[in-house]
N, C-alpha and C. Protein backbone atom coordinates (compact mmCIF):
# COMPACT_ATOMS: atom_id res chain seq x y z
N MET A 1 1.97 28.70 -78.38
CA MET A 1 2.29 29.86 -77.69
C MET A 1 3.76 30.23 -77.83
N LYS A 2 3.97 31.39 -78.36
CA LYS A 2 5.39 31.90 -78.58
C LYS A 2 5.82 32.58 -77.34
N VAL A 3 6.84 32.10 -76.89
CA VAL A 3 7.45 33.02 -75.69
C VAL A 3 8.78 33.73 -76.01
N GLU A 4 8.67 34.84 -75.78
CA GLU A 4 9.82 35.60 -76.29
C GLU A 4 10.99 35.58 -75.10
N PRO A 5 12.07 35.54 -75.73
CA PRO A 5 13.37 35.28 -74.62
C PRO A 5 13.41 36.78 -73.81
N ARG A 6 13.95 36.35 -72.70
CA ARG A 6 14.27 37.60 -71.62
C ARG A 6 15.82 37.54 -71.36
N ARG A 7 16.17 38.75 -71.43
CA ARG A 7 17.74 39.09 -71.07
C ARG A 7 17.77 40.01 -70.19
N ARG A 8 18.77 39.69 -69.22
CA ARG A 8 18.99 40.74 -68.22
C ARG A 8 20.37 40.61 -67.84
N ARG A 9 21.02 41.77 -67.67
CA ARG A 9 22.32 41.88 -67.11
C ARG A 9 22.18 41.78 -65.64
N LEU A 10 23.00 41.05 -64.87
CA LEU A 10 22.91 41.22 -63.34
C LEU A 10 24.27 41.29 -62.82
N GLU A 11 24.44 42.12 -61.86
CA GLU A 11 25.56 42.26 -60.99
C GLU A 11 25.61 41.10 -60.00
N LYS A 12 26.79 40.54 -60.10
CA LYS A 12 26.88 39.46 -59.21
C LYS A 12 27.17 39.74 -57.82
N GLY A 13 26.76 39.23 -56.83
CA GLY A 13 26.63 39.31 -55.42
C GLY A 13 27.71 40.30 -54.91
N ALA A 14 28.98 39.56 -54.62
CA ALA A 14 29.85 40.16 -53.80
C ALA A 14 30.72 41.17 -54.71
N ALA A 15 30.45 41.11 -56.03
CA ALA A 15 31.27 41.92 -56.88
C ALA A 15 30.60 43.00 -57.35
N ARG A 16 29.53 43.42 -56.71
CA ARG A 16 28.86 44.62 -57.00
C ARG A 16 29.32 46.05 -57.16
N ASP A 17 30.47 46.03 -56.54
CA ASP A 17 31.23 47.51 -56.47
C ASP A 17 32.26 47.37 -57.72
N ARG A 18 32.43 46.39 -58.06
CA ARG A 18 33.39 46.25 -59.30
C ARG A 18 32.58 46.32 -60.84
N ASP A 19 32.91 47.33 -61.53
CA ASP A 19 32.27 47.45 -62.81
C ASP A 19 32.72 46.60 -63.85
N ASP A 20 33.73 45.63 -63.52
CA ASP A 20 34.20 44.78 -64.52
C ASP A 20 33.54 43.20 -64.20
N SER A 21 32.66 43.06 -63.33
CA SER A 21 32.14 41.90 -63.30
C SER A 21 30.53 41.84 -63.24
N ARG A 22 30.02 41.03 -64.31
CA ARG A 22 28.57 40.99 -64.59
C ARG A 22 28.37 39.72 -65.33
N VAL A 23 27.06 39.34 -65.25
CA VAL A 23 26.53 38.08 -66.00
C VAL A 23 25.48 38.84 -66.78
N CYS A 24 25.22 38.24 -67.99
CA CYS A 24 24.25 38.61 -68.90
C CYS A 24 23.56 37.39 -69.26
N LEU A 25 22.29 37.15 -68.76
CA LEU A 25 21.58 35.94 -68.91
C LEU A 25 20.49 35.96 -69.76
N TRP A 26 20.42 35.02 -70.79
CA TRP A 26 19.30 35.02 -71.72
C TRP A 26 18.61 33.96 -71.47
N LEU A 27 17.09 34.07 -71.26
CA LEU A 27 16.34 32.82 -70.89
C LEU A 27 15.24 32.75 -71.91
N ARG A 28 15.04 31.64 -72.43
CA ARG A 28 13.81 31.42 -73.41
C ARG A 28 13.00 30.09 -72.88
N ASN A 29 11.94 30.35 -72.57
CA ASN A 29 11.07 29.13 -72.04
C ASN A 29 10.24 28.80 -73.20
N GLU A 30 10.37 27.63 -73.69
CA GLU A 30 9.46 27.03 -74.80
C GLU A 30 8.64 25.80 -74.29
N ALA A 31 8.71 25.69 -73.15
CA ALA A 31 8.20 24.49 -72.52
C ALA A 31 6.85 24.94 -71.71
N GLY A 32 6.45 26.02 -71.78
CA GLY A 32 5.48 26.63 -70.93
C GLY A 32 5.63 26.99 -69.67
N ARG A 33 4.92 27.74 -68.81
CA ARG A 33 5.22 28.31 -67.61
C ARG A 33 5.10 27.39 -66.35
N LYS A 34 4.35 26.42 -66.49
CA LYS A 34 4.08 25.45 -65.45
C LYS A 34 5.23 24.90 -64.81
N GLY A 35 5.58 25.32 -63.53
CA GLY A 35 6.70 24.56 -62.91
C GLY A 35 8.13 24.94 -63.42
N VAL A 36 8.18 25.82 -64.22
CA VAL A 36 9.43 26.43 -64.61
C VAL A 36 9.74 27.64 -63.95
N PRO A 37 11.07 27.71 -63.36
CA PRO A 37 11.38 28.93 -62.43
C PRO A 37 11.54 30.17 -63.50
N VAL A 38 11.45 31.30 -62.76
CA VAL A 38 11.45 32.73 -63.50
C VAL A 38 12.89 33.07 -63.64
N LEU A 39 13.08 34.11 -64.32
CA LEU A 39 14.40 34.44 -64.66
C LEU A 39 15.04 34.90 -63.36
N ARG A 40 14.33 35.87 -62.62
CA ARG A 40 15.13 36.13 -61.33
C ARG A 40 15.73 34.88 -60.40
N THR A 41 15.08 33.70 -60.52
CA THR A 41 15.36 32.62 -59.82
C THR A 41 16.73 32.03 -60.38
N PHE A 42 16.86 31.97 -61.78
CA PHE A 42 18.09 31.41 -62.43
C PHE A 42 19.19 32.45 -62.27
N GLU A 43 18.95 33.66 -62.07
CA GLU A 43 19.95 34.74 -61.75
C GLU A 43 20.57 34.41 -60.45
N ARG A 44 19.62 33.96 -59.44
CA ARG A 44 20.22 33.87 -58.12
C ARG A 44 20.99 32.63 -58.14
N TRP A 45 20.62 31.54 -58.94
CA TRP A 45 21.51 30.48 -58.79
C TRP A 45 22.70 30.69 -59.52
N LEU A 46 22.87 31.49 -60.57
CA LEU A 46 23.97 31.64 -61.16
C LEU A 46 24.93 32.61 -60.34
N ALA A 47 24.33 33.65 -59.65
CA ALA A 47 25.23 34.26 -58.64
C ALA A 47 25.70 33.55 -57.46
N ALA A 48 25.17 32.25 -57.31
CA ALA A 48 25.93 31.46 -56.36
C ALA A 48 27.16 30.57 -56.76
N ILE A 49 27.42 30.73 -58.05
CA ILE A 49 28.41 29.88 -58.59
C ILE A 49 29.80 30.68 -58.43
N PRO A 50 30.75 30.28 -57.58
CA PRO A 50 31.95 31.04 -57.35
C PRO A 50 32.70 31.36 -58.76
N GLU A 51 32.90 30.64 -59.44
CA GLU A 51 33.60 30.80 -60.75
C GLU A 51 33.11 31.74 -61.58
N LEU A 52 31.85 32.07 -61.69
CA LEU A 52 31.32 32.87 -62.31
C LEU A 52 31.58 34.20 -61.85
N GLU A 53 31.54 34.23 -60.40
CA GLU A 53 31.87 35.49 -59.68
C GLU A 53 33.41 36.00 -59.84
N GLN A 54 34.26 35.01 -60.29
CA GLN A 54 35.46 35.49 -60.45
C GLN A 54 35.77 35.68 -61.80
N ARG A 55 35.15 35.47 -62.66
CA ARG A 55 35.70 35.81 -64.26
C ARG A 55 35.44 37.40 -64.43
N PRO A 56 36.61 37.78 -65.08
CA PRO A 56 36.50 39.23 -65.35
C PRO A 56 35.61 39.68 -66.56
N GLY A 57 35.30 40.84 -66.51
CA GLY A 57 34.43 41.38 -67.58
C GLY A 57 32.98 40.64 -67.59
N TRP A 58 32.44 40.92 -68.48
CA TRP A 58 30.97 40.42 -68.79
C TRP A 58 31.07 38.75 -69.20
N THR A 59 30.16 38.01 -68.51
CA THR A 59 29.91 36.68 -68.87
C THR A 59 28.54 36.61 -69.54
N GLU A 60 28.36 36.00 -70.62
CA GLU A 60 27.03 35.88 -71.11
C GLU A 60 26.72 34.43 -70.97
N LEU A 61 25.50 34.04 -70.83
CA LEU A 61 24.92 32.62 -70.91
C LEU A 61 23.55 32.63 -71.28
N ASN A 62 23.28 31.54 -72.08
CA ASN A 62 21.99 31.45 -72.75
C ASN A 62 21.38 30.14 -72.24
N ILE A 63 20.02 30.33 -71.77
CA ILE A 63 19.35 29.21 -71.27
C ILE A 63 18.08 28.84 -71.99
N LEU A 64 17.90 27.79 -72.61
CA LEU A 64 16.71 27.43 -73.34
C LEU A 64 16.07 26.32 -72.65
N ILE A 65 14.83 26.80 -72.28
CA ILE A 65 13.88 25.63 -71.47
C ILE A 65 13.02 24.87 -72.53
N VAL A 66 13.01 23.57 -72.60
CA VAL A 66 12.27 22.90 -73.63
C VAL A 66 11.47 21.83 -73.14
N GLY A 67 10.56 21.58 -74.18
CA GLY A 67 9.58 20.21 -73.71
C GLY A 67 10.31 18.97 -74.17
N ARG A 68 9.80 17.81 -73.89
CA ARG A 68 10.24 16.52 -74.19
C ARG A 68 10.70 16.26 -75.57
N ALA A 69 9.77 16.70 -76.55
CA ALA A 69 10.22 16.40 -77.95
C ALA A 69 11.33 17.11 -78.37
N ALA A 70 11.69 18.36 -77.92
CA ALA A 70 12.80 19.20 -78.19
C ALA A 70 13.94 18.60 -77.59
N GLY A 71 13.83 18.34 -76.29
CA GLY A 71 14.83 17.67 -75.41
C GLY A 71 15.28 16.49 -76.16
N ARG A 72 14.57 15.57 -76.67
CA ARG A 72 14.88 14.36 -77.37
C ARG A 72 15.63 14.72 -78.66
N ARG A 73 15.22 15.68 -79.45
CA ARG A 73 15.67 16.05 -80.53
C ARG A 73 17.20 16.59 -80.49
N TYR A 74 17.23 17.64 -79.42
CA TYR A 74 18.64 18.07 -79.17
C TYR A 74 19.68 16.98 -78.71
N ASN A 75 19.11 16.16 -77.77
CA ASN A 75 20.10 15.01 -77.21
C ASN A 75 20.32 14.02 -78.53
N ARG A 76 19.57 13.65 -79.45
CA ARG A 76 19.80 12.82 -80.57
C ARG A 76 20.86 13.49 -81.55
N GLN A 77 20.64 14.71 -81.83
CA GLN A 77 21.23 15.60 -82.68
C GLN A 77 22.64 15.76 -82.28
N PHE A 78 22.86 16.12 -80.92
CA PHE A 78 24.31 16.38 -80.44
C PHE A 78 24.94 15.42 -79.82
N ARG A 79 24.31 14.40 -79.06
CA ARG A 79 24.84 13.40 -78.28
C ARG A 79 24.70 12.01 -78.92
N GLY A 80 23.98 11.96 -80.09
CA GLY A 80 23.51 10.46 -80.68
C GLY A 80 22.74 9.70 -79.61
N ARG A 81 21.82 10.22 -78.83
CA ARG A 81 21.25 9.41 -77.81
C ARG A 81 19.60 9.83 -77.95
N ASP A 82 19.00 8.85 -78.20
CA ASP A 82 17.51 9.07 -78.77
C ASP A 82 16.44 9.13 -77.53
N TYR A 83 16.75 9.92 -76.63
CA TYR A 83 15.82 10.20 -75.45
C TYR A 83 16.04 11.62 -75.03
N ALA A 84 15.06 12.12 -74.21
CA ALA A 84 15.00 13.63 -73.72
C ALA A 84 16.13 13.41 -72.48
N THR A 85 17.00 14.19 -72.26
CA THR A 85 17.59 14.20 -71.15
C THR A 85 17.48 15.66 -70.25
N ASN A 86 18.04 15.69 -69.17
CA ASN A 86 17.72 16.83 -68.10
C ASN A 86 18.35 18.06 -68.62
N VAL A 87 19.56 18.14 -68.84
CA VAL A 87 20.41 19.24 -69.29
C VAL A 87 21.36 18.96 -70.14
N LEU A 88 21.53 19.69 -71.27
CA LEU A 88 22.69 19.55 -72.25
C LEU A 88 23.43 20.99 -72.06
N SER A 89 24.77 20.88 -72.17
CA SER A 89 25.64 22.04 -72.01
C SER A 89 26.51 22.18 -73.24
N PHE A 90 26.55 23.38 -73.91
CA PHE A 90 27.26 23.73 -75.13
C PHE A 90 28.16 24.76 -74.78
N PRO A 91 29.47 24.41 -74.43
CA PRO A 91 30.31 25.39 -74.22
C PRO A 91 30.79 26.43 -75.78
N TYR A 92 30.79 27.69 -75.44
CA TYR A 92 31.20 28.47 -76.66
C TYR A 92 32.52 28.48 -76.63
N GLU A 93 32.99 28.20 -78.13
CA GLU A 93 34.55 28.11 -78.28
C GLU A 93 34.81 29.42 -79.17
N PRO A 94 35.37 30.44 -78.88
CA PRO A 94 35.76 31.60 -79.74
C PRO A 94 36.63 31.34 -80.67
N ALA A 95 36.63 31.93 -81.93
CA ALA A 95 37.41 31.73 -83.08
C ALA A 95 38.85 32.43 -82.52
N PRO A 96 39.84 31.99 -83.07
CA PRO A 96 41.13 32.55 -82.76
C PRO A 96 41.28 34.00 -82.73
N GLY A 97 41.76 34.46 -81.69
CA GLY A 97 41.70 35.95 -81.67
C GLY A 97 40.65 36.67 -81.03
N GLU A 98 39.52 35.95 -81.05
CA GLU A 98 38.10 36.62 -80.83
C GLU A 98 38.18 36.66 -79.21
N HIS A 99 37.75 37.83 -78.57
CA HIS A 99 37.56 37.90 -77.32
C HIS A 99 36.04 38.07 -76.87
N SER A 100 35.54 37.17 -76.22
CA SER A 100 33.83 36.87 -75.75
C SER A 100 33.69 36.55 -74.57
N GLY A 101 32.79 37.22 -74.17
CA GLY A 101 32.39 36.85 -72.72
C GLY A 101 31.25 35.72 -72.72
N LEU A 102 30.90 35.21 -73.89
CA LEU A 102 29.94 34.15 -74.07
C LEU A 102 30.49 32.95 -73.33
N LEU A 103 29.91 32.36 -72.38
CA LEU A 103 30.29 31.12 -71.70
C LEU A 103 29.64 30.03 -72.69
N GLY A 104 28.59 30.05 -73.00
CA GLY A 104 27.83 28.97 -73.89
C GLY A 104 26.32 28.96 -73.56
N ASP A 105 25.85 27.63 -73.75
CA ASP A 105 24.30 27.53 -74.08
C ASP A 105 23.91 26.06 -73.12
N LEU A 106 22.89 26.58 -72.33
CA LEU A 106 22.33 25.40 -71.60
C LEU A 106 21.15 25.08 -72.20
N VAL A 107 20.43 23.86 -72.41
CA VAL A 107 19.20 23.46 -72.75
C VAL A 107 18.68 22.46 -71.67
N ILE A 108 17.71 23.01 -70.92
CA ILE A 108 17.12 22.15 -69.83
C ILE A 108 15.71 21.77 -70.17
N CYS A 109 15.47 20.52 -70.22
CA CYS A 109 14.27 19.84 -70.60
C CYS A 109 13.39 19.67 -69.31
N ALA A 110 12.40 20.53 -69.40
CA ALA A 110 11.38 20.80 -68.02
C ALA A 110 10.74 19.63 -67.65
N PRO A 111 10.03 18.86 -68.66
CA PRO A 111 9.54 17.60 -68.28
C PRO A 111 10.46 16.58 -67.50
N VAL A 112 11.63 16.31 -68.07
CA VAL A 112 12.55 15.51 -67.53
C VAL A 112 12.86 15.96 -66.17
N VAL A 113 13.15 17.16 -66.01
CA VAL A 113 13.55 17.83 -64.63
C VAL A 113 12.37 17.57 -63.55
N ALA A 114 11.16 17.67 -64.08
CA ALA A 114 10.00 17.54 -63.07
C ALA A 114 9.81 16.13 -62.80
N ARG A 115 10.04 15.15 -63.79
CA ARG A 115 9.83 13.67 -63.69
C ARG A 115 10.99 13.16 -62.65
N GLU A 116 12.12 13.56 -62.98
CA GLU A 116 13.25 13.08 -62.10
C GLU A 116 13.00 13.57 -60.66
N ALA A 117 12.66 14.84 -60.44
CA ALA A 117 12.26 15.36 -59.13
C ALA A 117 11.17 14.49 -58.41
N ARG A 118 10.26 14.24 -59.14
CA ARG A 118 9.28 13.23 -58.56
C ARG A 118 9.61 11.79 -58.14
N GLU A 119 10.49 11.33 -59.09
CA GLU A 119 10.86 9.96 -58.95
C GLU A 119 12.10 9.82 -57.88
N GLN A 120 12.62 11.04 -57.66
CA GLN A 120 13.75 11.01 -56.54
C GLN A 120 13.21 11.81 -55.10
N GLY A 121 11.89 11.87 -55.15
CA GLY A 121 11.38 12.71 -53.90
C GLY A 121 12.13 14.10 -53.60
N LYS A 122 12.42 14.72 -54.78
CA LYS A 122 12.84 16.05 -54.35
C LYS A 122 11.90 17.17 -54.80
N ASP A 123 12.29 18.51 -54.42
CA ASP A 123 11.55 19.53 -54.78
C ASP A 123 11.98 19.75 -56.27
N ALA A 124 11.07 19.99 -57.12
CA ALA A 124 11.37 20.35 -58.52
C ALA A 124 12.06 21.57 -58.70
N ARG A 125 11.87 22.83 -57.96
CA ARG A 125 12.77 23.99 -57.88
C ARG A 125 14.16 23.59 -57.49
N ASP A 126 14.15 22.81 -56.53
CA ASP A 126 15.86 22.37 -56.14
C ASP A 126 16.35 21.58 -57.24
N HIS A 127 15.64 20.75 -57.72
CA HIS A 127 16.27 20.03 -58.87
C HIS A 127 16.56 20.82 -60.28
N PHE A 128 15.59 21.84 -60.35
CA PHE A 128 16.08 22.83 -61.57
C PHE A 128 17.31 23.45 -61.12
N ALA A 129 17.47 23.91 -60.06
CA ALA A 129 18.65 24.68 -59.54
C ALA A 129 19.82 23.72 -59.61
N HIS A 130 19.76 22.32 -59.22
CA HIS A 130 20.92 21.50 -59.43
C HIS A 130 21.26 21.20 -60.95
N MET A 131 20.26 21.20 -61.70
CA MET A 131 20.55 20.98 -63.15
C MET A 131 21.19 22.13 -63.73
N THR A 132 20.61 23.34 -63.48
CA THR A 132 21.34 24.62 -63.92
C THR A 132 22.65 24.60 -63.44
N ILE A 133 23.08 24.57 -62.33
CA ILE A 133 24.34 24.58 -61.59
C ILE A 133 25.25 23.51 -62.30
N HIS A 134 24.67 22.27 -62.38
CA HIS A 134 25.48 21.07 -63.02
C HIS A 134 25.84 21.67 -64.53
N GLY A 135 24.88 22.24 -65.14
CA GLY A 135 25.15 22.66 -66.35
C GLY A 135 26.21 23.58 -66.63
N VAL A 136 26.08 24.55 -65.85
CA VAL A 136 27.08 25.68 -65.80
C VAL A 136 28.67 25.26 -65.53
N LEU A 137 28.56 24.30 -64.75
CA LEU A 137 29.98 23.75 -64.35
C LEU A 137 30.46 23.00 -65.48
N HIS A 138 29.53 22.28 -66.29
CA HIS A 138 30.25 21.73 -67.47
C HIS A 138 30.80 22.92 -68.49
N LEU A 139 30.04 23.98 -68.70
CA LEU A 139 30.46 25.12 -69.25
C LEU A 139 31.72 25.72 -69.01
N LEU A 140 31.98 25.65 -67.40
CA LEU A 140 33.07 26.23 -66.97
C LEU A 140 34.36 24.96 -67.17
N GLY A 141 34.01 23.94 -67.70
CA GLY A 141 35.06 22.80 -67.77
C GLY A 141 35.05 21.63 -67.00
N TYR A 142 34.25 21.66 -66.05
CA TYR A 142 34.07 20.37 -65.18
C TYR A 142 33.50 19.19 -65.83
N ASP A 143 33.83 17.90 -65.47
CA ASP A 143 33.08 16.89 -65.94
C ASP A 143 32.85 15.76 -65.12
N HIS A 144 32.55 14.63 -65.40
CA HIS A 144 32.29 13.53 -64.42
C HIS A 144 32.66 12.27 -65.17
N GLU A 145 33.70 12.30 -66.10
CA GLU A 145 34.07 11.02 -66.87
C GLU A 145 34.86 10.00 -66.08
N ASP A 146 35.40 10.37 -65.12
CA ASP A 146 36.17 9.57 -64.11
C ASP A 146 35.86 9.71 -62.84
N GLU A 147 35.98 8.83 -61.91
CA GLU A 147 35.61 8.92 -60.57
C GLU A 147 36.35 10.05 -59.76
N ARG A 148 37.38 10.46 -59.94
CA ARG A 148 37.95 11.71 -59.30
C ARG A 148 37.35 12.89 -59.71
N ASP A 149 37.05 13.16 -60.99
CA ASP A 149 36.44 14.31 -61.55
C ASP A 149 34.94 14.36 -61.19
N ALA A 150 34.47 13.19 -61.11
CA ALA A 150 33.06 13.25 -60.69
C ALA A 150 32.79 13.61 -59.24
N GLU A 151 33.71 13.11 -58.35
CA GLU A 151 33.81 13.59 -56.89
C GLU A 151 33.95 14.97 -56.79
N ARG A 152 34.90 15.44 -57.63
CA ARG A 152 35.35 17.05 -57.46
C ARG A 152 33.99 17.81 -57.97
N MET A 153 33.19 17.45 -59.04
CA MET A 153 32.15 18.27 -59.53
C MET A 153 31.00 18.19 -58.59
N GLU A 154 30.65 16.75 -58.26
CA GLU A 154 29.76 16.69 -57.26
C GLU A 154 29.89 17.50 -55.83
N ALA A 155 31.09 17.50 -55.39
CA ALA A 155 31.27 18.26 -54.03
C ALA A 155 31.11 19.72 -54.35
N LEU A 156 31.53 20.46 -55.51
CA LEU A 156 31.35 21.64 -55.92
C LEU A 156 29.81 21.92 -55.97
N GLU A 157 29.17 21.01 -56.71
CA GLU A 157 27.63 21.22 -56.88
C GLU A 157 26.85 21.18 -55.48
N THR A 158 27.37 20.37 -54.54
CA THR A 158 26.81 20.24 -53.29
C THR A 158 27.04 21.46 -52.37
N HIS A 159 28.36 21.96 -52.40
CA HIS A 159 28.77 23.28 -51.73
C HIS A 159 27.88 24.47 -52.30
N ILE A 160 27.67 24.57 -53.54
CA ILE A 160 27.00 25.63 -54.21
C ILE A 160 25.60 25.48 -53.70
N LEU A 161 25.07 24.48 -53.67
CA LEU A 161 23.59 24.17 -53.63
C LEU A 161 23.30 24.57 -52.08
N ALA A 162 24.19 24.11 -51.06
CA ALA A 162 24.21 24.23 -49.71
C ALA A 162 24.08 25.79 -49.40
N GLY A 163 24.88 26.66 -50.10
CA GLY A 163 24.85 27.93 -50.03
C GLY A 163 23.41 28.66 -50.39
N LEU A 164 22.54 27.83 -51.12
CA LEU A 164 21.32 28.16 -51.55
C LEU A 164 20.10 27.73 -50.52
N GLY A 165 20.71 27.05 -49.63
CA GLY A 165 19.66 26.21 -48.67
C GLY A 165 19.09 24.85 -49.40
N ILE A 166 19.63 24.26 -50.30
CA ILE A 166 19.39 23.19 -50.91
C ILE A 166 20.12 21.94 -50.59
N VAL A 167 19.45 20.90 -50.07
CA VAL A 167 20.11 19.75 -49.43
C VAL A 167 20.81 18.80 -50.57
N ASP A 168 21.95 18.33 -50.14
CA ASP A 168 22.84 17.63 -50.96
C ASP A 168 22.17 16.75 -51.80
N PRO A 169 22.04 16.76 -53.23
CA PRO A 169 21.25 15.99 -54.12
C PRO A 169 21.79 14.58 -54.32
N TYR A 170 22.97 14.30 -53.77
CA TYR A 170 23.68 12.96 -53.82
C TYR A 170 23.60 12.18 -52.73
N ARG A 171 23.02 12.76 -51.68
CA ARG A 171 22.68 12.04 -50.48
C ARG A 171 21.71 11.01 -50.90
N HIS A 172 21.61 9.88 -50.21
CA HIS A 172 20.54 8.82 -50.53
C HIS A 172 19.39 8.98 -49.70
N ASP A 173 19.55 9.61 -48.65
CA ASP A 173 18.43 10.04 -47.72
C ASP A 173 18.04 11.36 -47.78
N ALA A 174 18.46 12.01 -49.06
CA ALA A 174 18.08 13.41 -49.23
C ALA A 174 16.29 13.57 -49.46
N THR A 175 15.80 12.48 -49.72
CA THR A 175 14.58 12.50 -49.98
C THR A 175 13.62 12.68 -48.83
């Protein structure tokens, strides 16, 4: 089954009155419909990320939802790890002198996100939100390579998710 990508420009929440603040989301689901949130849901999650709200001009983001085999292939090809992972982030690096609103690409492996949600006793939709926000924060330059950076990134994820009514995913009793 071939699924055509969907692209939509969305005005970001508090910035609706400013013509210079918008997100253009491209979403392609190659994993099938079951359990995968729809475009409007991803848009709502993106609108909750403060740094996207503050970026001037258009911000473009591509999200590809894949199955386990493709998730494994991407992880092996780009990270050298031979297993499917939940989310991969590919920040866009413009050529010198190029002005682009493209933030980058996310590849989300739907079966891995669903499995992790089951194993952790979380709602699958909430875990999709978390992985989407986590991936976008990587595109914005956040990482979790050391303890200080991890705490900063997790605190921001938790704050954004709380604004969406989603419980802290790092709480041990969140299940």
